[in-house]
PDB file of N, CA and C in Angstrom:
ATOM      1  N   UNK A   1     -15.534 -35.311  -5.825  1.00  0.00           N
ATOM      2  CA  UNK A   1     -14.521 -34.662  -6.606  1.00  0.00           C
ATOM      3  C   UNK A   1     -15.057 -34.493  -8.009  1.00  0.00           C
ATOM      4  N   UNK A   2     -14.898 -33.347  -8.552  1.00  0.00           N
ATOM      5  CA  UNK A   2     -15.369 -33.092  -9.899  1.00  0.00           C
ATOM      6  C   UNK A   2     -14.338 -32.282 -10.646  1.00  0.00           C
ATOM      7  N   UNK A   3     -14.004 -32.756 -11.823  1.00  0.00           N
ATOM      8  CA  UNK A   3     -13.093 -31.985 -12.661  1.00  0.00           C
ATOM      9  C   UNK A   3     -13.866 -31.347 -13.808  1.00  0.00           C
ATOM     10  N   UNK A   4     -15.187 -31.258 -13.643  1.00  0.00           N
ATOM     11  CA  UNK A   4     -16.021 -30.786 -14.741  1.00  0.00           C
ATOM     12  C   UNK A   4     -16.110 -29.279 -14.852  1.00  0.00           C
ATOM     13  N   UNK A   5     -15.723 -28.519 -13.856  1.00  0.00           N
ATOM     14  CA  UNK A   5     -15.768 -27.055 -13.935  1.00  0.00           C
ATOM     15  C   UNK A   5     -14.536 -26.588 -14.696  1.00  0.00           C
ATOM     16  N   UNK A   6     -14.610 -26.707 -15.995  1.00  0.00           N
ATOM     17  CA  UNK A   6     -13.447 -26.404 -16.828  1.00  0.00           C
ATOM     18  C   UNK A   6     -13.382 -24.925 -17.149  1.00  0.00           C
ATOM     19  N   UNK A   7     -12.306 -24.311 -16.714  1.00  0.00           N
ATOM     20  CA  UNK A   7     -12.036 -22.919 -17.045  1.00  0.00           C
ATOM     21  C   UNK A   7     -10.795 -22.909 -17.918  1.00  0.00           C
ATOM     22  N   UNK A   8     -10.727 -22.032 -18.911  1.00  0.00           N
ATOM     23  CA  UNK A   8      -9.516 -21.968 -19.727  1.00  0.00           C
ATOM     24  C   UNK A   8      -8.302 -21.719 -18.846  1.00  0.00           C
ATOM     25  N   UNK A   9      -7.248 -22.445 -19.105  1.00  0.00           N
ATOM     26  CA  UNK A   9      -6.010 -22.305 -18.336  1.00  0.00           C
ATOM     27  C   UNK A   9      -5.050 -21.458 -19.156  1.00  0.00           C
ATOM     28  N   UNK A  10      -4.465 -20.435 -18.548  1.00  0.00           N
ATOM     29  CA  UNK A  10      -3.543 -19.592 -19.308  1.00  0.00           C
ATOM     30  C   UNK A  10      -2.366 -20.404 -19.838  1.00  0.00           C
ATOM     31  N   UNK A  11      -1.934 -20.077 -21.018  1.00  0.00           N
ATOM     32  CA  UNK A  11      -0.788 -20.748 -21.633  1.00  0.00           C
ATOM     33  C   UNK A  11       0.422 -20.579 -20.726  1.00  0.00           C
ATOM     34  N   UNK A  12       1.122 -21.655 -20.479  1.00  0.00           N
ATOM     35  CA  UNK A  12       2.270 -21.579 -19.583  1.00  0.00           C
ATOM     36  C   UNK A  12       3.311 -22.601 -19.995  1.00  0.00           C
ATOM     37  N   UNK A  13       4.323 -22.721 -19.172  1.00  0.00           N
ATOM     38  CA  UNK A  13       5.404 -23.664 -19.442  1.00  0.00           C
ATOM     39  C   UNK A  13       5.126 -25.027 -18.818  1.00  0.00           C
ATOM     40  N   UNK A  14       3.884 -25.299 -18.439  1.00  0.00           N
ATOM     41  CA  UNK A  14       3.559 -26.593 -17.847  1.00  0.00           C
ATOM     42  C   UNK A  14       3.752 -27.701 -18.877  1.00  0.00           C
ATOM     43  N   UNK A  15       4.145 -28.889 -18.424  1.00  0.00           N
ATOM     44  CA  UNK A  15       4.273 -30.016 -19.355  1.00  0.00           C
ATOM     45  C   UNK A  15       2.947 -30.285 -20.053  1.00  0.00           C
ATOM     46  N   UNK A  16       3.028 -30.692 -21.303  1.00  0.00           N
ATOM     47  CA  UNK A  16       1.821 -30.983 -22.065  1.00  0.00           C
ATOM     48  C   UNK A  16       1.321 -32.395 -21.820  1.00  0.00           C
ATOM     49  N   UNK A  17       2.228 -33.289 -21.375  1.00  0.00           N
ATOM     50  CA  UNK A  17       1.843 -34.688 -21.158  1.00  0.00           C
ATOM     51  C   UNK A  17       2.525 -35.239 -19.909  1.00  0.00           C
ATOM     52  N   UNK A  18       1.819 -36.141 -19.270  1.00  0.00           N
ATOM     53  CA  UNK A  18       2.349 -36.897 -18.137  1.00  0.00           C
ATOM     54  C   UNK A  18       1.947 -38.351 -18.318  1.00  0.00           C
ATOM     55  N   UNK A  19       2.617 -39.224 -17.607  1.00  0.00           N
ATOM     56  CA  UNK A  19       2.155 -40.600 -17.473  1.00  0.00           C
ATOM     57  C   UNK A  19       1.656 -40.750 -16.042  1.00  0.00           C
ATOM     58  N   UNK A  20       0.455 -41.297 -15.904  1.00  0.00           N
ATOM     59  CA  UNK A  20      -0.103 -41.580 -14.584  1.00  0.00           C
ATOM     60  C   UNK A  20      -0.036 -43.081 -14.370  1.00  0.00           C
ATOM     61  N   UNK A  21       0.474 -43.472 -13.214  1.00  0.00           N
ATOM     62  CA  UNK A  21       0.547 -44.875 -12.832  1.00  0.00           C
ATOM     63  C   UNK A  21      -0.368 -45.089 -11.638  1.00  0.00           C
ATOM     64  N   UNK A  22      -1.273 -46.040 -11.740  1.00  0.00           N
ATOM     65  CA  UNK A  22      -2.142 -46.392 -10.620  1.00  0.00           C
ATOM     66  C   UNK A  22      -1.548 -47.629  -9.965  1.00  0.00           C
ATOM     67  N   UNK A  23      -1.112 -47.473  -8.724  1.00  0.00           N
ATOM     68  CA  UNK A  23      -0.437 -48.565  -8.020  1.00  0.00           C
ATOM     69  C   UNK A  23      -1.128 -48.823  -6.682  1.00  0.00           C
ATOM     70  N   UNK A  24      -1.105 -50.078  -6.229  1.00  0.00           N
ATOM     71  CA  UNK A  24      -1.617 -50.362  -4.891  1.00  0.00           C
ATOM     72  C   UNK A  24      -0.808 -49.584  -3.860  1.00  0.00           C
ATOM     73  N   UNK A  25      -1.486 -49.023  -2.860  1.00  0.00           N
ATOM     74  CA  UNK A  25      -0.805 -48.194  -1.863  1.00  0.00           C
ATOM     75  C   UNK A  25       0.322 -48.925  -1.160  1.00  0.00           C
ATOM     76  N   UNK A  26       0.177 -50.202  -0.942  1.00  0.00           N
ATOM     77  CA  UNK A  26       1.200 -50.928  -0.190  1.00  0.00           C
ATOM     78  C   UNK A  26       2.510 -51.093  -0.956  1.00  0.00           C
ATOM     79  N   UNK A  27       2.548 -50.750  -2.249  1.00  0.00           N
ATOM     80  CA  UNK A  27       3.810 -50.833  -2.995  1.00  0.00           C
ATOM     81  C   UNK A  27       4.350 -49.462  -3.363  1.00  0.00           C
ATOM     82  N   UNK A  28       3.742 -48.394  -2.826  1.00  0.00           N
ATOM     83  CA  UNK A  28       4.188 -47.046  -3.172  1.00  0.00           C
ATOM     84  C   UNK A  28       5.657 -46.837  -2.808  1.00  0.00           C
ATOM     85  N   UNK A  29       6.090 -47.347  -1.665  1.00  0.00           N
ATOM     86  CA  UNK A  29       7.494 -47.261  -1.261  1.00  0.00           C
ATOM     87  C   UNK A  29       8.035 -48.675  -1.139  1.00  0.00           C
ATOM     88  N   UNK A  30       8.724 -49.130  -2.153  1.00  0.00           N
ATOM     89  CA  UNK A  30       9.238 -50.497  -2.157  1.00  0.00           C
ATOM     90  C   UNK A  30      10.736 -50.538  -1.940  1.00  0.00           C
ATOM     91  N   UNK A  31      11.297 -49.498  -1.318  1.00  0.00           N
ATOM     92  CA  UNK A  31      12.722 -49.500  -1.039  1.00  0.00           C
ATOM     93  C   UNK A  31      13.571 -49.533  -2.293  1.00  0.00           C
ATOM     94  N   UNK A  32      13.190 -48.767  -3.301  1.00  0.00           N
ATOM     95  CA  UNK A  32      13.984 -48.677  -4.515  1.00  0.00           C
ATOM     96  C   UNK A  32      13.520 -49.584  -5.643  1.00  0.00           C
ATOM     97  N   UNK A  33      12.634 -50.535  -5.361  1.00  0.00           N
ATOM     98  CA  UNK A  33      12.126 -51.401  -6.421  1.00  0.00           C
ATOM     99  C   UNK A  33      11.228 -50.584  -7.345  1.00  0.00           C
ATOM    100  N   UNK A  34      11.134 -51.003  -8.581  1.00  0.00           N
ATOM    101  CA  UNK A  34      10.370 -50.273  -9.582  1.00  0.00           C
ATOM    102  C   UNK A  34       8.873 -50.302  -9.283  1.00  0.00           C
ATOM    103  N   UNK A  35       8.302 -49.129  -9.116  1.00  0.00           N
ATOM    104  CA  UNK A  35       6.866 -49.023  -8.882  1.00  0.00           C
ATOM    105  C   UNK A  35       6.106 -49.305 -10.172  1.00  0.00           C
ATOM    106  N   UNK A  36       6.681 -48.928 -11.311  1.00  0.00           N
ATOM    107  CA  UNK A  36       5.940 -49.109 -12.565  1.00  0.00           C
ATOM    108  C   UNK A  36       5.659 -50.578 -12.848  1.00  0.00           C
ATOM    109  N   UNK A  37       6.474 -51.481 -12.339  1.00  0.00           N
ATOM    110  CA  UNK A  37       6.198 -52.906 -12.512  1.00  0.00           C
ATOM    111  C   UNK A  37       4.999 -53.350 -11.689  1.00  0.00           C
ATOM    112  N   UNK A  38       4.627 -52.572 -10.690  1.00  0.00           N
ATOM    113  CA  UNK A  38       3.490 -52.896  -9.832  1.00  0.00           C
ATOM    114  C   UNK A  38       2.218 -52.161 -10.240  1.00  0.00           C
ATOM    115  N   UNK A  39       2.295 -51.300 -11.233  1.00  0.00           N
ATOM    116  CA  UNK A  39       1.122 -50.520 -11.648  1.00  0.00           C
ATOM    117  C   UNK A  39       0.041 -51.450 -12.192  1.00  0.00           C
ATOM    118  N   UNK A  40      -1.193 -51.227 -11.745  1.00  0.00           N
ATOM    119  CA  UNK A  40      -2.316 -51.997 -12.261  1.00  0.00           C
ATOM    120  C   UNK A  40      -2.897 -51.336 -13.509  1.00  0.00           C
ATOM    121  N   UNK A  41      -2.541 -50.065 -13.702  1.00  0.00           N
ATOM    122  CA  UNK A  41      -2.977 -49.345 -14.908  1.00  0.00           C
ATOM    123  C   UNK A  41      -2.072 -48.147 -15.107  1.00  0.00           C
ATOM    124  N   UNK A  42      -1.770 -47.854 -16.360  1.00  0.00           N
ATOM    125  CA  UNK A  42      -1.006 -46.659 -16.695  1.00  0.00           C
ATOM    126  C   UNK A  42      -1.725 -45.945 -17.827  1.00  0.00           C
ATOM    127  N   UNK A  43      -1.504 -44.653 -17.915  1.00  0.00           N
ATOM    128  CA  UNK A  43      -2.104 -43.883 -18.998  1.00  0.00           C
ATOM    129  C   UNK A  43      -1.274 -42.638 -19.249  1.00  0.00           C
ATOM    130  N   UNK A  44      -1.118 -42.317 -20.517  1.00  0.00           N
ATOM    131  CA  UNK A  44      -0.512 -41.049 -20.899  1.00  0.00           C
ATOM    132  C   UNK A  44      -1.656 -40.053 -21.011  1.00  0.00           C
ATOM    133  N   UNK A  45      -1.540 -38.951 -20.275  1.00  0.00           N
ATOM    134  CA  UNK A  45      -2.578 -37.923 -20.284  1.00  0.00           C
ATOM    135  C   UNK A  45      -1.999 -36.635 -20.849  1.00  0.00           C
ATOM    136  N   UNK A  46      -2.841 -35.879 -21.538  1.00  0.00           N
ATOM    137  CA  UNK A  46      -2.403 -34.637 -22.177  1.00  0.00           C
ATOM    138  C   UNK A  46      -3.184 -33.456 -21.628  1.00  0.00           C
ATOM    139  N   UNK A  47      -2.529 -32.314 -21.584  1.00  0.00           N
ATOM    140  CA  UNK A  47      -3.161 -31.084 -21.104  1.00  0.00           C
ATOM    141  C   UNK A  47      -4.338 -30.727 -21.998  1.00  0.00           C
ATOM    142  N   UNK A  48      -5.441 -30.309 -21.363  1.00  0.00           N
ATOM    143  CA  UNK A  48      -6.631 -29.918 -22.116  1.00  0.00           C
ATOM    144  C   UNK A  48      -6.680 -28.421 -22.368  1.00  0.00           C
ATOM    145  N   UNK A  49      -5.859 -27.672 -21.629  1.00  0.00           N
ATOM    146  CA  UNK A  49      -5.921 -26.220 -21.726  1.00  0.00           C
ATOM    147  C   UNK A  49      -6.934 -25.611 -20.779  1.00  0.00           C
ATOM    148  N   UNK A  50      -7.549 -26.446 -19.937  1.00  0.00           N
ATOM    149  CA  UNK A  50      -8.527 -25.977 -18.959  1.00  0.00           C
ATOM    150  C   UNK A  50      -8.010 -26.215 -17.551  1.00  0.00           C
ATOM    151  N   UNK A  51      -8.647 -25.548 -16.598  1.00  0.00           N
ATOM    152  CA  UNK A  51      -8.306 -25.684 -15.189  1.00  0.00           C
ATOM    153  C   UNK A  51      -9.483 -26.315 -14.463  1.00  0.00           C
ATOM    154  N   UNK A  52      -9.200 -27.257 -13.573  1.00  0.00           N
ATOM    155  CA  UNK A  52     -10.247 -27.916 -12.803  1.00  0.00           C
ATOM    156  C   UNK A  52     -10.627 -27.119 -11.576  1.00  0.00           C
ATOM    157  N   UNK A  53     -11.587 -27.647 -10.814  1.00  0.00           N
ATOM    158  CA  UNK A  53     -12.035 -26.990  -9.588  1.00  0.00           C
ATOM    159  C   UNK A  53     -10.904 -26.835  -8.586  1.00  0.00           C
ATOM    160  N   UNK A  54      -9.888 -27.683  -8.680  1.00  0.00           N
ATOM    161  CA  UNK A  54      -8.750 -27.609  -7.763  1.00  0.00           C
ATOM    162  C   UNK A  54      -7.862 -26.404  -8.055  1.00  0.00           C
ATOM    163  N   UNK A  55      -8.044 -25.813  -9.238  1.00  0.00           N
ATOM    164  CA  UNK A  55      -7.199 -24.689  -9.643  1.00  0.00           C
ATOM    165  C   UNK A  55      -5.987 -25.105 -10.457  1.00  0.00           C
ATOM    166  N   UNK A  56      -5.834 -26.412 -10.672  1.00  0.00           N
ATOM    167  CA  UNK A  56      -4.696 -26.926 -11.434  1.00  0.00           C
ATOM    168  C   UNK A  56      -5.131 -27.354 -12.829  1.00  0.00           C
ATOM    169  N   UNK A  57      -4.180 -27.438 -13.768  1.00  0.00           N
ATOM    170  CA  UNK A  57      -4.510 -27.841 -15.133  1.00  0.00           C
ATOM    171  C   UNK A  57      -5.120 -29.244 -15.183  1.00  0.00           C
ATOM    172  N   UNK A  58      -6.034 -29.419 -16.126  1.00  0.00           N
ATOM    173  CA  UNK A  58      -6.664 -30.719 -16.349  1.00  0.00           C
ATOM    174  C   UNK A  58      -5.899 -31.449 -17.448  1.00  0.00           C
ATOM    175  N   UNK A  59      -5.651 -32.724 -17.195  1.00  0.00           N
ATOM    176  CA  UNK A  59      -5.002 -33.613 -18.160  1.00  0.00           C
ATOM    177  C   UNK A  59      -5.942 -34.787 -18.390  1.00  0.00           C
ATOM    178  N   UNK A  60      -6.070 -35.223 -19.662  1.00  0.00           N
ATOM    179  CA  UNK A  60      -6.973 -36.320 -20.009  1.00  0.00           C
ATOM    180  C   UNK A  60      -6.284 -37.304 -20.924  1.00  0.00           C
ATOM    181  N   UNK A  61      -6.715 -38.576 -20.813  1.00  0.00           N
ATOM    182  CA  UNK A  61      -6.257 -39.587 -21.748  1.00  0.00           C
ATOM    183  C   UNK A  61      -6.534 -40.992 -21.254  1.00  0.00           C
ATOM    184  N   UNK A  62      -6.908 -41.873 -22.173  1.00  0.00           N
ATOM    185  CA  UNK A  62      -7.093 -43.297 -21.899  1.00  0.00           C
ATOM    186  C   UNK A  62      -8.018 -43.549 -20.710  1.00  0.00           C
ATOM    187  N   UNK A  63      -9.102 -42.762 -20.610  1.00  0.00           N
ATOM    188  CA  UNK A  63     -10.088 -42.964 -19.561  1.00  0.00           C
ATOM    189  C   UNK A  63      -9.796 -42.255 -18.257  1.00  0.00           C
ATOM    190  N   UNK A  64      -8.679 -41.553 -18.165  1.00  0.00           N
ATOM    191  CA  UNK A  64      -8.337 -40.816 -16.950  1.00  0.00           C
ATOM    192  C   UNK A  64      -8.500 -39.322 -17.177  1.00  0.00           C
ATOM    193  N   UNK A  65      -9.055 -38.624 -16.190  1.00  0.00           N
ATOM    194  CA  UNK A  65      -9.153 -37.168 -16.180  1.00  0.00           C
ATOM    195  C   UNK A  65      -8.574 -36.725 -14.848  1.00  0.00           C
ATOM    196  N   UNK A  66      -7.512 -35.928 -14.894  1.00  0.00           N
ATOM    197  CA  UNK A  66      -6.804 -35.571 -13.664  1.00  0.00           C
ATOM    198  C   UNK A  66      -6.480 -34.092 -13.612  1.00  0.00           C
ATOM    199  N   UNK A  67      -6.646 -33.513 -12.416  1.00  0.00           N
ATOM    200  CA  UNK A  67      -6.108 -32.184 -12.126  1.00  0.00           C
ATOM    201  C   UNK A  67      -4.727 -32.442 -11.539  1.00  0.00           C
ATOM    202  N   UNK A  68      -3.682 -31.959 -12.206  1.00  0.00           N
ATOM    203  CA  UNK A  68      -2.314 -32.224 -11.764  1.00  0.00           C
ATOM    204  C   UNK A  68      -1.616 -30.914 -11.457  1.00  0.00           C
ATOM    205  N   UNK A  69      -0.989 -30.860 -10.284  1.00  0.00           N
ATOM    206  CA  UNK A  69      -0.139 -29.726  -9.925  1.00  0.00           C
ATOM    207  C   UNK A  69       1.187 -29.958 -10.637  1.00  0.00           C
ATOM    208  N   UNK A  70       1.460 -29.210 -11.712  1.00  0.00           N
ATOM    209  CA  UNK A  70       2.674 -29.464 -12.480  1.00  0.00           C
ATOM    210  C   UNK A  70       3.954 -29.149 -11.714  1.00  0.00           C
ATOM    211  N   UNK A  71       3.862 -28.322 -10.687  1.00  0.00           N
ATOM    212  CA  UNK A  71       5.051 -27.983  -9.912  1.00  0.00           C
ATOM    213  C   UNK A  71       5.521 -29.104  -9.006  1.00  0.00           C
ATOM    214  N   UNK A  72       4.560 -29.822  -8.419  1.00  0.00           N
ATOM    215  CA  UNK A  72       4.908 -30.898  -7.486  1.00  0.00           C
ATOM    216  C   UNK A  72       4.651 -32.286  -8.052  1.00  0.00           C
ATOM    217  N   UNK A  73       4.051 -32.341  -9.241  1.00  0.00           N
ATOM    218  CA  UNK A  73       3.682 -33.614  -9.870  1.00  0.00           C
ATOM    219  C   UNK A  73       2.710 -34.397  -8.986  1.00  0.00           C
ATOM    220  N   UNK A  74       1.772 -33.669  -8.376  1.00  0.00           N
ATOM    221  CA  UNK A  74       0.784 -34.274  -7.495  1.00  0.00           C
ATOM    222  C   UNK A  74      -0.574 -34.283  -8.178  1.00  0.00           C
ATOM    223  N   UNK A  75      -1.266 -35.421  -8.115  1.00  0.00           N
ATOM    224  CA  UNK A  75      -2.628 -35.513  -8.627  1.00  0.00           C
ATOM    225  C   UNK A  75      -3.555 -34.956  -7.555  1.00  0.00           C
ATOM    226  N   UNK A  76      -4.235 -33.859  -7.881  1.00  0.00           N
ATOM    227  CA  UNK A  76      -5.130 -33.198  -6.930  1.00  0.00           C
ATOM    228  C   UNK A  76      -6.566 -33.689  -7.050  1.00  0.00           C
ATOM    229  N   UNK A  77      -6.945 -34.213  -8.208  1.00  0.00           N
ATOM    230  CA  UNK A  77      -8.279 -34.764  -8.440  1.00  0.00           C
ATOM    231  C   UNK A  77      -8.143 -35.772  -9.574  1.00  0.00           C
ATOM    232  N   UNK A  78      -8.923 -36.858  -9.511  1.00  0.00           N
ATOM    233  CA  UNK A  78      -8.780 -37.906 -10.525  1.00  0.00           C
ATOM    234  C   UNK A  78     -10.085 -38.657 -10.713  1.00  0.00           C
ATOM    235  N   UNK A  79     -10.448 -38.848 -11.974  1.00  0.00           N
ATOM    236  CA  UNK A  79     -11.538 -39.742 -12.350  1.00  0.00           C
ATOM    237  C   UNK A  79     -10.948 -40.831 -13.234  1.00  0.00           C
ATOM    238  N   UNK A  80     -11.342 -42.078 -12.956  1.00  0.00           N
ATOM    239  CA  UNK A  80     -10.899 -43.229 -13.738  1.00  0.00           C
ATOM    240  C   UNK A  80     -12.143 -43.814 -14.385  1.00  0.00           C
ATOM    241  N   UNK A  81     -12.221 -43.728 -15.695  1.00  0.00           N
ATOM    242  CA  UNK A  81     -13.406 -44.172 -16.424  1.00  0.00           C
ATOM    243  C   UNK A  81     -14.674 -43.544 -15.846  1.00  0.00           C
ATOM    244  N   UNK A  82     -14.580 -42.252 -15.482  1.00  0.00           N
ATOM    245  CA  UNK A  82     -15.727 -41.506 -14.986  1.00  0.00           C
ATOM    246  C   UNK A  82     -16.035 -41.699 -13.511  1.00  0.00           C
ATOM    247  N   UNK A  83     -15.223 -42.492 -12.814  1.00  0.00           N
ATOM    248  CA  UNK A  83     -15.463 -42.768 -11.394  1.00  0.00           C
ATOM    249  C   UNK A  83     -14.246 -42.376 -10.573  1.00  0.00           C
ATOM    250  N   UNK A  84     -14.468 -42.184  -9.271  1.00  0.00           N
ATOM    251  CA  UNK A  84     -13.349 -41.863  -8.391  1.00  0.00           C
ATOM    252  C   UNK A  84     -12.433 -43.069  -8.250  1.00  0.00           C
ATOM    253  N   UNK A  85     -11.195 -42.802  -7.902  1.00  0.00           N
ATOM    254  CA  UNK A  85     -10.188 -43.844  -7.745  1.00  0.00           C
ATOM    255  C   UNK A  85     -10.591 -44.800  -6.628  1.00  0.00           C
ATOM    256  N   UNK A  86     -10.433 -46.101  -6.883  1.00  0.00           N
ATOM    257  CA  UNK A  86     -10.756 -47.110  -5.878  1.00  0.00           C
ATOM    258  C   UNK A  86      -9.864 -46.962  -4.654  1.00  0.00           C
ATOM    259  N   UNK A  87     -10.427 -47.281  -3.488  1.00  0.00           N
ATOM    260  CA  UNK A  87      -9.632 -47.283  -2.260  1.00  0.00           C
ATOM    261  C   UNK A  87      -8.506 -48.294  -2.410  1.00  0.00           C
ATOM    262  N   UNK A  88      -7.372 -47.957  -1.845  1.00  0.00           N
ATOM    263  CA  UNK A  88      -6.228 -48.853  -1.898  1.00  0.00           C
ATOM    264  C   UNK A  88      -5.315 -48.598  -3.076  1.00  0.00           C
ATOM    265  N   UNK A  89      -5.719 -47.692  -3.974  1.00  0.00           N
ATOM    266  CA  UNK A  89      -4.867 -47.343  -5.111  1.00  0.00           C
ATOM    267  C   UNK A  89      -4.355 -45.921  -4.951  1.00  0.00           C
ATOM    268  N   UNK A  90      -3.165 -45.694  -5.434  1.00  0.00           N
ATOM    269  CA  UNK A  90      -2.535 -44.379  -5.411  1.00  0.00           C
ATOM    270  C   UNK A  90      -2.162 -44.003  -6.836  1.00  0.00           C
ATOM    271  N   UNK A  91      -2.338 -42.734  -7.175  1.00  0.00           N
ATOM    272  CA  UNK A  91      -1.949 -42.241  -8.499  1.00  0.00           C
ATOM    273  C   UNK A  91      -0.592 -41.557  -8.389  1.00  0.00           C
ATOM    274  N   UNK A  92       0.355 -42.029  -9.168  1.00  0.00           N
ATOM    275  CA  UNK A  92       1.681 -41.426  -9.237  1.00  0.00           C
ATOM    276  C   UNK A  92       1.852 -40.797 -10.606  1.00  0.00           C
ATOM    277  N   UNK A  93       2.591 -39.706 -10.671  1.00  0.00           N
ATOM    278  CA  UNK A  93       2.770 -38.966 -11.917  1.00  0.00           C
ATOM    279  C   UNK A  93       4.234 -38.978 -12.304  1.00  0.00           C
ATOM    280  N   UNK A  94       4.451 -39.175 -13.584  1.00  0.00           N
ATOM    281  CA  UNK A  94       5.810 -39.139 -14.112  1.00  0.00           C
ATOM    282  C   UNK A  94       5.789 -38.308 -15.391  1.00  0.00           C
ATOM    283  N   UNK A  95       6.723 -37.369 -15.482  1.00  0.00           N
ATOM    284  CA  UNK A  95       6.825 -36.568 -16.701  1.00  0.00           C
ATOM    285  C   UNK A  95       7.461 -37.423 -17.783  1.00  0.00           C
ATOM    286  N   UNK A  96       6.907 -37.341 -18.969  1.00  0.00           N
ATOM    287  CA  UNK A  96       7.460 -38.105 -20.083  1.00  0.00           C
ATOM    288  C   UNK A  96       8.703 -37.418 -20.610  1.00  0.00           C
ATOM    289  N   UNK A  97       9.711 -38.209 -20.880  1.00  0.00           N
ATOM    290  CA  UNK A  97      10.940 -37.668 -21.450  1.00  0.00           C
ATOM    291  C   UNK A  97      10.678 -37.302 -22.905  1.00  0.00           C
ATOM    292  N   UNK A  98      11.351 -36.265 -23.420  1.00  0.00           N
ATOM    293  CA  UNK A  98      11.164 -35.896 -24.825  1.00  0.00           C
ATOM    294  C   UNK A  98      11.429 -37.095 -25.735  1.00  0.00           C
ATOM    295  N   UNK A  99      10.531 -37.303 -26.672  1.00  0.00           N
ATOM    296  CA  UNK A  99      10.680 -38.394 -27.620  1.00  0.00           C
ATOM    297  C   UNK A  99      10.178 -39.728 -27.106  1.00  0.00           C
ATOM    298  N   UNK A 100       9.764 -39.786 -25.850  1.00  0.00           N
ATOM    299  CA  UNK A 100       9.264 -41.032 -25.287  1.00  0.00           C
ATOM    300  C   UNK A 100       7.750 -41.017 -25.351  1.00  0.00           C
ATOM    301  N   UNK A 101       7.192 -41.998 -25.997  1.00  0.00           N
ATOM    302  CA  UNK A 101       5.747 -42.038 -26.174  1.00  0.00           C
ATOM    303  C   UNK A 101       5.026 -42.476 -24.914  1.00  0.00           C
ATOM    304  N   UNK A 102       5.709 -43.170 -24.034  1.00  0.00           N
ATOM    305  CA  UNK A 102       5.030 -43.705 -22.856  1.00  0.00           C
ATOM    306  C   UNK A 102       4.227 -44.920 -23.241  1.00  0.00           C
ATOM    307  N   UNK A 103       3.692 -45.582 -22.250  1.00  0.00           N
ATOM    308  CA  UNK A 103       2.874 -46.753 -22.524  1.00  0.00           C
ATOM    309  C   UNK A 103       1.433 -46.301 -22.644  1.00  0.00           C
ATOM    310  N   UNK A 104       0.731 -46.724 -23.683  1.00  0.00           N
ATOM    311  CA  UNK A 104      -0.677 -46.348 -23.757  1.00  0.00           C
ATOM    312  C   UNK A 104      -1.426 -46.974 -22.598  1.00  0.00           C
ATOM    313  N   UNK A 105      -2.629 -46.486 -22.336  1.00  0.00           N
ATOM    314  CA  UNK A 105      -3.409 -46.998 -21.219  1.00  0.00           C
ATOM    315  C   UNK A 105      -3.505 -48.502 -21.245  1.00  0.00           C
ATOM    316  N   UNK A 106      -3.354 -49.111 -20.091  1.00  0.00           N
ATOM    317  CA  UNK A 106      -3.512 -50.566 -19.999  1.00  0.00           C
ATOM    318  C   UNK A 106      -4.361 -50.886 -18.807  1.00  0.00           C
TER     319      UNK A 106
END
């Protein structure tokens, strides 16, 4: 997976920032329990204005580079500190509410 083929992304109504939560796959569906409490890492990522090889906008921040489908909030490609996501982890996306800074990368 490579998000390095950066093409300018046309200006649109896509969100400028998201929060990405990296959670163990076995807690993705906890029957209503908070997934964010199980996240092993979170990061606020911002739109770069470029499009990745997946065709979706690239978002970067706190060591994460992600191609995110803004319509479905799905991570289509992800690098964590320059490497692919470890097996057993899932990336979840949450749109930041206006005025909410989100948690910086941890």
